[in-house]
All heavy atoms as atom14 arrays in JSON, in Angstrom:
{
  "sequence": "WLPSAIYLAIFTSIFNMTLMIECIVYAADEIENKVYIMSDGCL",
  "atom14_mask": [
    [1, 1, 1, 1, 1, 1, 1, 1, 1, 1, 1, 1, 1, 1],
    [1, 1, 1, 1, 1, 1, 1, 1, 0, 0, 0, 0, 0, 0],
    [1, 1, 1, 1, 1, 1, 1, 0, 0, 0, 0, 0, 0, 0],
    [1, 1, 1, 1, 1, 1, 0, 0, 0, 0, 0, 0, 0, 0],
    [1, 1, 1, 1, 1, 0, 0, 0, 0, 0, 0, 0, 0, 0],
    [1, 1, 1, 1, 1, 1, 1, 1, 0, 0, 0, 0, 0, 0],
    [1, 1, 1, 1, 1, 1, 1, 1, 1, 1, 1, 1, 0, 0],
    [1, 1, 1, 1, 1, 1, 1, 1, 0, 0, 0, 0, 0, 0],
    [1, 1, 1, 1, 1, 0, 0, 0, 0, 0, 0, 0, 0, 0],
    [1, 1, 1, 1, 1, 1, 1, 1, 0, 0, 0, 0, 0, 0],
    [1, 1, 1, 1, 1, 1, 1, 1, 1, 1, 1, 0, 0, 0],
    [1, 1, 1, 1, 1, 1, 1, 0, 0, 0, 0, 0, 0, 0],
    [1, 1, 1, 1, 1, 1, 0, 0, 0, 0, 0, 0, 0, 0],
    [1, 1, 1, 1, 1, 1, 1, 1, 0, 0, 0, 0, 0, 0],
    [1, 1, 1, 1, 1, 1, 1, 1, 1, 1, 1, 0, 0, 0],
    [1, 1, 1, 1, 1, 1, 1, 1, 0, 0, 0, 0, 0, 0],
    [1, 1, 1, 1, 1, 1, 1, 1, 0, 0, 0, 0, 0, 0],
    [1, 1, 1, 1, 1, 1, 1, 0, 0, 0, 0, 0, 0, 0],
    [1, 1, 1, 1, 1, 1, 1, 1, 0, 0, 0, 0, 0, 0],
    [1, 1, 1, 1, 1, 1, 1, 1, 0, 0, 0, 0, 0, 0],
    [1, 1, 1, 1, 1, 1, 1, 1, 0, 0, 0, 0, 0, 0],
    [1, 1, 1, 1, 1, 1, 1, 1, 1, 0, 0, 0, 0, 0],
    [1, 1, 1, 1, 1, 1, 0, 0, 0, 0, 0, 0, 0, 0],
    [1, 1, 1, 1, 1, 1, 1, 1, 0, 0, 0, 0, 0, 0],
    [1, 1, 1, 1, 1, 1, 1, 0, 0, 0, 0, 0, 0, 0],
    [1, 1, 1, 1, 1, 1, 1, 1, 1, 1, 1, 1, 0, 0],
    [1, 1, 1, 1, 1, 0, 0, 0, 0, 0, 0, 0, 0, 0],
    [1, 1, 1, 1, 1, 0, 0, 0, 0, 0, 0, 0, 0, 0],
    [1, 1, 1, 1, 1, 1, 1, 1, 0, 0, 0, 0, 0, 0],
    [1, 1, 1, 1, 1, 1, 1, 1, 1, 0, 0, 0, 0, 0],
    [1, 1, 1, 1, 1, 1, 1, 1, 0, 0, 0, 0, 0, 0],
    [1, 1, 1, 1, 1, 1, 1, 1, 1, 0, 0, 0, 0, 0],
    [1, 1, 1, 1, 1, 1, 1, 1, 0, 0, 0, 0, 0, 0],
    [1, 1, 1, 1, 1, 1, 1, 1, 1, 0, 0, 0, 0, 0],
    [1, 1, 1, 1, 1, 1, 1, 0, 0, 0, 0, 0, 0, 0],
    [1, 1, 1, 1, 1, 1, 1, 1, 1, 1, 1, 1, 0, 0],
    [1, 1, 1, 1, 1, 1, 1, 1, 0, 0, 0, 0, 0, 0],
    [1, 1, 1, 1, 1, 1, 1, 1, 0, 0, 0, 0, 0, 0],
    [1, 1, 1, 1, 1, 1, 0, 0, 0, 0, 0, 0, 0, 0],
    [1, 1, 1, 1, 1, 1, 1, 1, 0, 0, 0, 0, 0, 0],
    [1, 1, 1, 1, 0, 0, 0, 0, 0, 0, 0, 0, 0, 0],
    [1, 1, 1, 1, 1, 1, 0, 0, 0, 0, 0, 0, 0, 0],
    [1, 1, 1, 1, 1, 1, 1, 1, 0, 0, 0, 0, 0, 0]
  ],
  "atom14_positions": [
    [[0.82, -1.21, 0.0], [0.0, 0.0, 0.0], [0.86, 1.27, 0.0], [0.43, 2.31, -0.51], [-0.91, 0.02, 1.22], [-0.18, 0.07, 2.52], [0.21, -0.99, 3.29], [0.29, 1.25, 3.2], [0.88, -0.56, 4.39], [0.94, 0.81, 4.37], [0.22, 2.61, 2.93], [1.52, 1.7, 5.26], [0.8, 3.49, 3.82], [1.43, 3.04, 4.96]],
    [[2.09, 1.2, 0.57], [2.92, 2.41, 0.66], [3.41, 2.88, -0.7], [3.24, 4.07, -1.04], [4.07, 2.17, 1.63], [5.04, 3.35, 1.83], [4.28, 4.57, 2.34], [6.16, 2.97, 2.79], [0.0, 0.0, 0.0], [0.0, 0.0, 0.0], [0.0, 0.0, 0.0], [0.0, 0.0, 0.0], [0.0, 0.0, 0.0], [0.0, 0.0, 0.0]],
    [[4.04, 2.04, -1.53], [4.39, 2.51, -2.88], [3.17, 2.93, -3.7], [3.26, 3.88, -4.49], [5.08, 1.28, -3.51], [5.56, 0.47, -2.36], [4.54, 0.67, -1.28], [0.0, 0.0, 0.0], [0.0, 0.0, 0.0], [0.0, 0.0, 0.0], [0.0, 0.0, 0.0], [0.0, 0.0, 0.0], [0.0, 0.0, 0.0], [0.0, 0.0, 0.0]],
    [[2.03, 2.26, -3.5], [0.81, 2.67, -4.21], [0.36, 4.05, -3.77], [-0.06, 4.87, -4.6], [-0.3, 1.65, -3.96], [0.06, 0.37, -4.44], [0.0, 0.0, 0.0], [0.0, 0.0, 0.0], [0.0, 0.0, 0.0], [0.0, 0.0, 0.0], [0.0, 0.0, 0.0], [0.0, 0.0, 0.0], [0.0, 0.0, 0.0], [0.0, 0.0, 0.0]],
    [[0.46, 4.33, -2.47], [0.09, 5.66, -1.97], [1.03, 6.72, -2.52], [0.6, 7.85, -2.83], [0.12, 5.66, -0.44], [0.0, 0.0, 0.0], [0.0, 0.0, 0.0], [0.0, 0.0, 0.0], [0.0, 0.0, 0.0], [0.0, 0.0, 0.0], [0.0, 0.0, 0.0], [0.0, 0.0, 0.0], [0.0, 0.0, 0.0], [0.0, 0.0, 0.0]],
    [[2.32, 6.39, -2.64], [3.27, 7.33, -3.23], [2.9, 7.61, -4.69], [2.97, 8.75, -5.15], [4.7, 6.76, -3.12], [5.13, 6.75, -1.65], [5.68, 7.58, -3.96], [6.46, 6.08, -1.41], [0.0, 0.0, 0.0], [0.0, 0.0, 0.0], [0.0, 0.0, 0.0], [0.0, 0.0, 0.0], [0.0, 0.0, 0.0], [0.0, 0.0, 0.0]],
    [[2.5, 6.57, -5.42], [2.12, 6.76, -6.82], [0.85, 7.61, -6.95], [0.76, 8.47, -7.83], [1.88, 5.4, -7.48], [1.36, 5.5, -8.89], [2.23, 5.69, -9.96], [-0.01, 5.44, -9.16], [1.76, 5.79, -11.25], [-0.49, 5.55, -10.45], [0.39, 5.73, -11.49], [-0.08, 5.84, -12.77], [0.0, 0.0, 0.0], [0.0, 0.0, 0.0]],
    [[-0.13, 7.39, -6.06], [-1.4, 8.11, -6.16], [-1.26, 9.61, -5.92], [-2.19, 10.38, -6.23], [-2.41, 7.52, -5.17], [-2.93, 6.12, -5.51], [-3.85, 5.6, -4.42], [-3.65, 6.12, -6.86], [0.0, 0.0, 0.0], [0.0, 0.0, 0.0], [0.0, 0.0, 0.0], [0.0, 0.0, 0.0], [0.0, 0.0, 0.0], [0.0, 0.0, 0.0]],
    [[-0.13, 10.02, -5.38], [0.11, 11.46, -5.23], [0.31, 12.14, -6.57], [0.52, 13.36, -6.62], [1.32, 11.69, -4.33], [0.0, 0.0, 0.0], [0.0, 0.0, 0.0], [0.0, 0.0, 0.0], [0.0, 0.0, 0.0], [0.0, 0.0, 0.0], [0.0, 0.0, 0.0], [0.0, 0.0, 0.0], [0.0, 0.0, 0.0], [0.0, 0.0, 0.0]],
    [[0.21, 11.39, -7.67], [0.35, 11.98, -9.0], [-0.73, 13.02, -9.26], [-0.49, 14.01, -9.97], [0.31, 10.87, -10.07], [0.69, 11.44, -11.44], [-1.06, 10.19, -10.13], [0.86, 10.37, -12.51], [0.0, 0.0, 0.0], [0.0, 0.0, 0.0], [0.0, 0.0, 0.0], [0.0, 0.0, 0.0], [0.0, 0.0, 0.0], [0.0, 0.0, 0.0]],
    [[-1.92, 12.84, -8.67], [-2.99, 13.83, -8.86], [-2.61, 15.16, -8.21], [-2.84, 16.23, -8.78], [-4.3, 13.31, -8.26], [-4.87, 12.14, -9.01], [-4.63, 10.84, -8.58], [-5.64, 12.33, -10.14], [-5.15, 9.76, -9.27], [-6.17, 11.25, -10.83], [-5.92, 9.96, -10.4], [0.0, 0.0, 0.0], [0.0, 0.0, 0.0], [0.0, 0.0, 0.0]],
    [[-2.02, 15.09, -7.02], [-1.55, 16.31, -6.36], [-0.46, 16.98, -7.18], [-0.44, 18.21, -7.34], [-1.0, 15.97, -4.96], [-2.03, 15.34, -4.2], [-0.53, 17.21, -4.24], [0.0, 0.0, 0.0], [0.0, 0.0, 0.0], [0.0, 0.0, 0.0], [0.0, 0.0, 0.0], [0.0, 0.0, 0.0], [0.0, 0.0, 0.0], [0.0, 0.0, 0.0]],
    [[0.45, 16.18, -7.72], [1.54, 16.73, -8.53], [1.01, 17.39, -9.8], [1.45, 18.49, -10.17], [2.53, 15.62, -8.87], [3.67, 16.13, -9.51], [0.0, 0.0, 0.0], [0.0, 0.0, 0.0], [0.0, 0.0, 0.0], [0.0, 0.0, 0.0], [0.0, 0.0, 0.0], [0.0, 0.0, 0.0], [0.0, 0.0, 0.0], [0.0, 0.0, 0.0]],
    [[0.05, 16.75, -10.47], [-0.51, 17.29, -11.71], [-1.22, 18.62, -11.45], [-1.03, 19.61, -12.18], [-1.46, 16.28, -12.36], [-0.68, 15.08, -12.91], [-2.29, 16.93, -13.46], [-1.57, 13.95, -13.38], [0.0, 0.0, 0.0], [0.0, 0.0, 0.0], [0.0, 0.0, 0.0], [0.0, 0.0, 0.0], [0.0, 0.0, 0.0], [0.0, 0.0, 0.0]],
    [[-2.04, 18.66, -10.41], [-2.81, 19.86, -10.12], [-1.89, 21.04, -9.83], [-2.06, 22.15, -10.37], [-3.73, 19.6, -8.93], [-4.56, 20.78, -8.53], [-5.64, 21.17, -9.29], [-4.25, 21.51, -7.39], [-6.42, 22.27, -8.93], [-5.01, 22.61, -7.03], [-6.09, 22.98, -7.79], [0.0, 0.0, 0.0], [0.0, 0.0, 0.0], [0.0, 0.0, 0.0]],
    [[-0.89, 20.83, -8.98], [0.01, 21.92, -8.62], [0.97, 22.28, -9.74], [1.38, 23.43, -9.87], [0.77, 21.56, -7.34], [-0.11, 21.58, -6.11], [-0.33, 22.62, -5.52], [-0.61, 20.42, -5.73], [0.0, 0.0, 0.0], [0.0, 0.0, 0.0], [0.0, 0.0, 0.0], [0.0, 0.0, 0.0], [0.0, 0.0, 0.0], [0.0, 0.0, 0.0]],
    [[1.32, 21.29, -10.58], [2.14, 21.6, -11.75], [1.36, 22.47, -12.73], [1.93, 23.37, -13.37], [2.58, 20.31, -12.43], [3.55, 20.51, -13.59], [5.11, 21.24, -13.1], [5.83, 19.87, -12.17], [0.0, 0.0, 0.0], [0.0, 0.0, 0.0], [0.0, 0.0, 0.0], [0.0, 0.0, 0.0], [0.0, 0.0, 0.0], [0.0, 0.0, 0.0]],
    [[0.05, 22.25, -12.83], [-0.8, 23.1, -13.66], [-0.76, 24.55, -13.18], [-0.62, 25.49, -13.98], [-2.24, 22.58, -13.66], [-2.26, 21.22, -14.1], [-3.13, 23.42, -14.56], [0.0, 0.0, 0.0], [0.0, 0.0, 0.0], [0.0, 0.0, 0.0], [0.0, 0.0, 0.0], [0.0, 0.0, 0.0], [0.0, 0.0, 0.0], [0.0, 0.0, 0.0]],
    [[-0.88, 24.73, -11.86], [-0.83, 26.08, -11.3], [0.53, 26.73, -11.55], [0.61, 27.93, -11.85], [-1.11, 26.02, -9.8], [-2.49, 25.48, -9.37], [-2.63, 25.55, -7.86], [-3.61, 26.25, -10.05], [0.0, 0.0, 0.0], [0.0, 0.0, 0.0], [0.0, 0.0, 0.0], [0.0, 0.0, 0.0], [0.0, 0.0, 0.0], [0.0, 0.0, 0.0]],
    [[1.61, 25.95, -11.45], [2.94, 26.5, -11.69], [3.11, 26.97, -13.14], [3.63, 28.05, -13.4], [4.01, 25.44, -11.36], [4.25, 25.23, -9.88], [5.52, 23.99, -9.58], [6.92, 24.68, -10.44], [0.0, 0.0, 0.0], [0.0, 0.0, 0.0], [0.0, 0.0, 0.0], [0.0, 0.0, 0.0], [0.0, 0.0, 0.0], [0.0, 0.0, 0.0]],
    [[2.63, 26.14, -14.09], [2.76, 26.52, -15.51], [1.93, 27.76, -15.82], [2.39, 28.66, -16.53], [2.34, 25.33, -16.39], [3.31, 24.16, -16.2], [2.29, 25.75, -17.86], [2.89, 22.91, -16.92], [0.0, 0.0, 0.0], [0.0, 0.0, 0.0], [0.0, 0.0, 0.0], [0.0, 0.0, 0.0], [0.0, 0.0, 0.0], [0.0, 0.0, 0.0]],
    [[0.72, 27.82, -15.28], [-0.11, 29.0, -15.49], [0.56, 30.26, -14.94], [0.55, 31.32, -15.57], [-1.47, 28.8, -14.83], [-2.35, 27.74, -15.51], [-3.63, 27.51, -14.75], [-3.81, 28.14, -13.68], [-4.47, 26.71, -15.21], [0.0, 0.0, 0.0], [0.0, 0.0, 0.0], [0.0, 0.0, 0.0], [0.0, 0.0, 0.0], [0.0, 0.0, 0.0]],
    [[1.16, 30.1, -13.75], [1.81, 31.26, -13.13], [3.04, 31.69, -13.91], [3.27, 32.88, -14.12], [2.18, 30.9, -11.69], [2.9, 32.24, -10.74], [0.0, 0.0, 0.0], [0.0, 0.0, 0.0], [0.0, 0.0, 0.0], [0.0, 0.0, 0.0], [0.0, 0.0, 0.0], [0.0, 0.0, 0.0], [0.0, 0.0, 0.0], [0.0, 0.0, 0.0]],
    [[3.84, 30.72, -14.36], [5.09, 31.05, -15.06], [4.81, 31.66, -16.44], [5.43, 32.66, -16.83], [5.96, 29.79, -15.21], [6.44, 29.32, -13.83], [7.15, 30.04, -16.12], [7.14, 27.98, -13.85], [0.0, 0.0, 0.0], [0.0, 0.0, 0.0], [0.0, 0.0, 0.0], [0.0, 0.0, 0.0], [0.0, 0.0, 0.0], [0.0, 0.0, 0.0]],
    [[3.85, 31.08, -17.17], [3.66, 31.45, -18.57], [2.73, 32.65, -18.73], [3.01, 33.57, -19.51], [3.13, 30.24, -19.38], [2.87, 30.64, -20.83], [4.12, 29.09, -19.31], [0.0, 0.0, 0.0], [0.0, 0.0, 0.0], [0.0, 0.0, 0.0], [0.0, 0.0, 0.0], [0.0, 0.0, 0.0], [0.0, 0.0, 0.0], [0.0, 0.0, 0.0]],
    [[1.62, 32.66, -18.0], [0.57, 33.63, -18.3], [0.47, 34.79, -17.32], [-0.08, 35.85, -17.67], [-0.78, 32.92, -18.35], [-0.9, 31.94, -19.49], [-0.71, 30.57, -19.27], [-1.17, 32.37, -20.78], [-0.8, 29.67, -20.32], [-1.26, 31.48, -21.82], [-1.07, 30.13, -21.59], [-1.15, 29.25, -22.64], [0.0, 0.0, 0.0], [0.0, 0.0, 0.0]],
    [[0.93, 34.63, -16.1], [0.75, 35.69, -15.1], [1.62, 36.9, -15.42], [2.73, 36.77, -15.96], [1.06, 35.17, -13.7], [0.0, 0.0, 0.0], [0.0, 0.0, 0.0], [0.0, 0.0, 0.0], [0.0, 0.0, 0.0], [0.0, 0.0, 0.0], [0.0, 0.0, 0.0], [0.0, 0.0, 0.0], [0.0, 0.0, 0.0], [0.0, 0.0, 0.0]],
    [[1.12, 38.08, -15.06], [1.84, 39.33, -15.33], [2.62, 39.82, -14.11], [3.14, 40.93, -14.12], [0.85, 40.41, -15.76], [0.0, 0.0, 0.0], [0.0, 0.0, 0.0], [0.0, 0.0, 0.0], [0.0, 0.0, 0.0], [0.0, 0.0, 0.0], [0.0, 0.0, 0.0], [0.0, 0.0, 0.0], [0.0, 0.0, 0.0], [0.0, 0.0, 0.0]],
    [[2.71, 39.01, -13.05], [3.43, 39.42, -11.85], [4.94, 39.53, -12.13], [5.46, 38.97, -13.1], [3.21, 38.39, -10.73], [1.74, 38.27, -10.35], [0.99, 37.66, -11.13], [1.37, 38.78, -9.29], [0.0, 0.0, 0.0], [0.0, 0.0, 0.0], [0.0, 0.0, 0.0], [0.0, 0.0, 0.0], [0.0, 0.0, 0.0], [0.0, 0.0, 0.0]],
    [[5.62, 40.23, -11.23], [7.07, 40.3, -11.32], [7.68, 38.92, -11.03], [7.07, 38.08, -10.38], [7.61, 41.31, -10.3], [7.15, 42.74, -10.55], [7.76, 43.3, -11.84], [8.85, 42.84, -12.24], [7.14, 44.2, -12.44], [0.0, 0.0, 0.0], [0.0, 0.0, 0.0], [0.0, 0.0, 0.0], [0.0, 0.0, 0.0], [0.0, 0.0, 0.0]],
    [[8.9, 38.73, -11.52], [9.56, 37.44, -11.36], [9.73, 37.1, -9.87], [9.52, 35.96, -9.45], [10.93, 37.43, -12.07], [10.72, 37.58, -13.59], [11.68, 36.14, -11.77], [12.01, 37.61, -14.37], [0.0, 0.0, 0.0], [0.0, 0.0, 0.0], [0.0, 0.0, 0.0], [0.0, 0.0, 0.0], [0.0, 0.0, 0.0], [0.0, 0.0, 0.0]],
    [[10.1, 38.1, -9.04], [10.29, 37.85, -7.61], [8.98, 37.39, -6.98], [8.97, 36.48, -6.14], [10.8, 39.11, -6.91], [12.2, 39.54, -7.31], [12.22, 40.32, -8.63], [11.13, 40.55, -9.19], [13.32, 40.7, -9.07], [0.0, 0.0, 0.0], [0.0, 0.0, 0.0], [0.0, 0.0, 0.0], [0.0, 0.0, 0.0], [0.0, 0.0, 0.0]],
    [[7.87, 38.02, -7.38], [6.57, 37.62, -6.84], [6.19, 36.21, -7.29], [5.63, 35.43, -6.52], [5.49, 38.62, -7.27], [5.68, 39.99, -6.65], [6.31, 40.11, -5.59], [5.17, 41.02, -7.31], [0.0, 0.0, 0.0], [0.0, 0.0, 0.0], [0.0, 0.0, 0.0], [0.0, 0.0, 0.0], [0.0, 0.0, 0.0], [0.0, 0.0, 0.0]],
    [[6.49, 35.88, -8.54], [6.19, 34.53, -9.02], [6.95, 33.47, -8.22], [6.39, 32.44, -7.83], [6.54, 34.42, -10.5], [5.61, 35.16, -11.45], [6.0, 34.88, -12.89], [5.05, 35.57, -13.86], [5.37, 35.27, -15.27], [0.0, 0.0, 0.0], [0.0, 0.0, 0.0], [0.0, 0.0, 0.0], [0.0, 0.0, 0.0], [0.0, 0.0, 0.0]],
    [[8.25, 33.73, -8.01], [9.06, 32.77, -7.26], [8.51, 32.6, -5.85], [8.39, 31.46, -5.34], [10.53, 33.23, -7.22], [11.34, 32.34, -6.28], [11.13, 33.21, -8.61], [0.0, 0.0, 0.0], [0.0, 0.0, 0.0], [0.0, 0.0, 0.0], [0.0, 0.0, 0.0], [0.0, 0.0, 0.0], [0.0, 0.0, 0.0], [0.0, 0.0, 0.0]],
    [[8.16, 33.7, -5.2], [7.63, 33.62, -3.84], [6.3, 32.88, -3.8], [6.09, 32.01, -2.96], [7.45, 35.03, -3.26], [6.66, 35.04, -1.98], [7.21, 34.61, -0.79], [5.33, 35.46, -2.0], [6.47, 34.61, 0.38], [4.58, 35.46, -0.83], [5.15, 35.03, 0.36], [4.42, 35.03, 1.51], [0.0, 0.0, 0.0], [0.0, 0.0, 0.0]],
    [[5.4, 33.21, -4.74], [4.07, 32.59, -4.74], [4.17, 31.09, -5.0], [3.49, 30.28, -4.35], [3.18, 33.28, -5.79], [2.87, 34.72, -5.36], [1.87, 32.52, -5.97], [2.21, 35.55, -6.44], [0.0, 0.0, 0.0], [0.0, 0.0, 0.0], [0.0, 0.0, 0.0], [0.0, 0.0, 0.0], [0.0, 0.0, 0.0], [0.0, 0.0, 0.0]],
    [[5.03, 30.68, -5.94], [5.14, 29.25, -6.25], [5.78, 28.48, -5.11], [5.32, 27.39, -4.74], [5.96, 29.06, -7.54], [5.21, 29.45, -8.8], [6.09, 29.0, -10.31], [7.53, 30.07, -10.18], [0.0, 0.0, 0.0], [0.0, 0.0, 0.0], [0.0, 0.0, 0.0], [0.0, 0.0, 0.0], [0.0, 0.0, 0.0], [0.0, 0.0, 0.0]],
    [[6.84, 29.05, -4.5], [7.47, 28.35, -3.38], [6.57, 28.31, -2.17], [6.6, 27.38, -1.37], [8.79, 29.03, -3.02], [8.57, 30.38, -2.62], [0.0, 0.0, 0.0], [0.0, 0.0, 0.0], [0.0, 0.0, 0.0], [0.0, 0.0, 0.0], [0.0, 0.0, 0.0], [0.0, 0.0, 0.0], [0.0, 0.0, 0.0], [0.0, 0.0, 0.0]],
    [[5.71, 29.32, -2.04], [4.79, 29.38, -0.91], [3.57, 28.49, -1.09], [2.94, 28.1, -0.11], [4.32, 30.83, -0.72], [3.47, 30.99, 0.52], [3.98, 30.71, 1.62], [2.29, 31.37, 0.4], [0.0, 0.0, 0.0], [0.0, 0.0, 0.0], [0.0, 0.0, 0.0], [0.0, 0.0, 0.0], [0.0, 0.0, 0.0], [0.0, 0.0, 0.0]],
    [[3.27, 28.11, -2.34], [2.04, 27.36, -2.55], [2.19, 26.03, -3.24], [1.93, 24.98, -2.66], [0.0, 0.0, 0.0], [0.0, 0.0, 0.0], [0.0, 0.0, 0.0], [0.0, 0.0, 0.0], [0.0, 0.0, 0.0], [0.0, 0.0, 0.0], [0.0, 0.0, 0.0], [0.0, 0.0, 0.0], [0.0, 0.0, 0.0], [0.0, 0.0, 0.0]],
    [[2.63, 26.02, -4.49], [2.5, 24.81, -5.31], [3.8, 24.11, -5.66], [3.76, 23.03, -6.26], [1.76, 25.15, -6.61], [2.47, 26.52, -7.53], [0.0, 0.0, 0.0], [0.0, 0.0, 0.0], [0.0, 0.0, 0.0], [0.0, 0.0, 0.0], [0.0, 0.0, 0.0], [0.0, 0.0, 0.0], [0.0, 0.0, 0.0], [0.0, 0.0, 0.0]],
    [[4.96, 24.66, -5.3], [6.22, 24.01, -5.68], [6.4, 22.67, -4.97], [6.7, 21.65, -5.6], [7.39, 24.94, -5.35], [8.78, 24.38, -5.68], [8.91, 24.11, -7.17], [9.87, 25.33, -5.2], [0.0, 0.0, 0.0], [0.0, 0.0, 0.0], [0.0, 0.0, 0.0], [0.0, 0.0, 0.0], [0.0, 0.0, 0.0], [0.0, 0.0, 0.0]]
  ]
}
């Protein structure tokens, strides 16, 4: 069950990776703000 639980975290990884790509590519924030927001939330 433990390796399976590690694998199932793929949904968490996908969701937060989506937020990271949206923030990096489309957001108009400053680079410093992007780095802080991503490390504070979805990295």
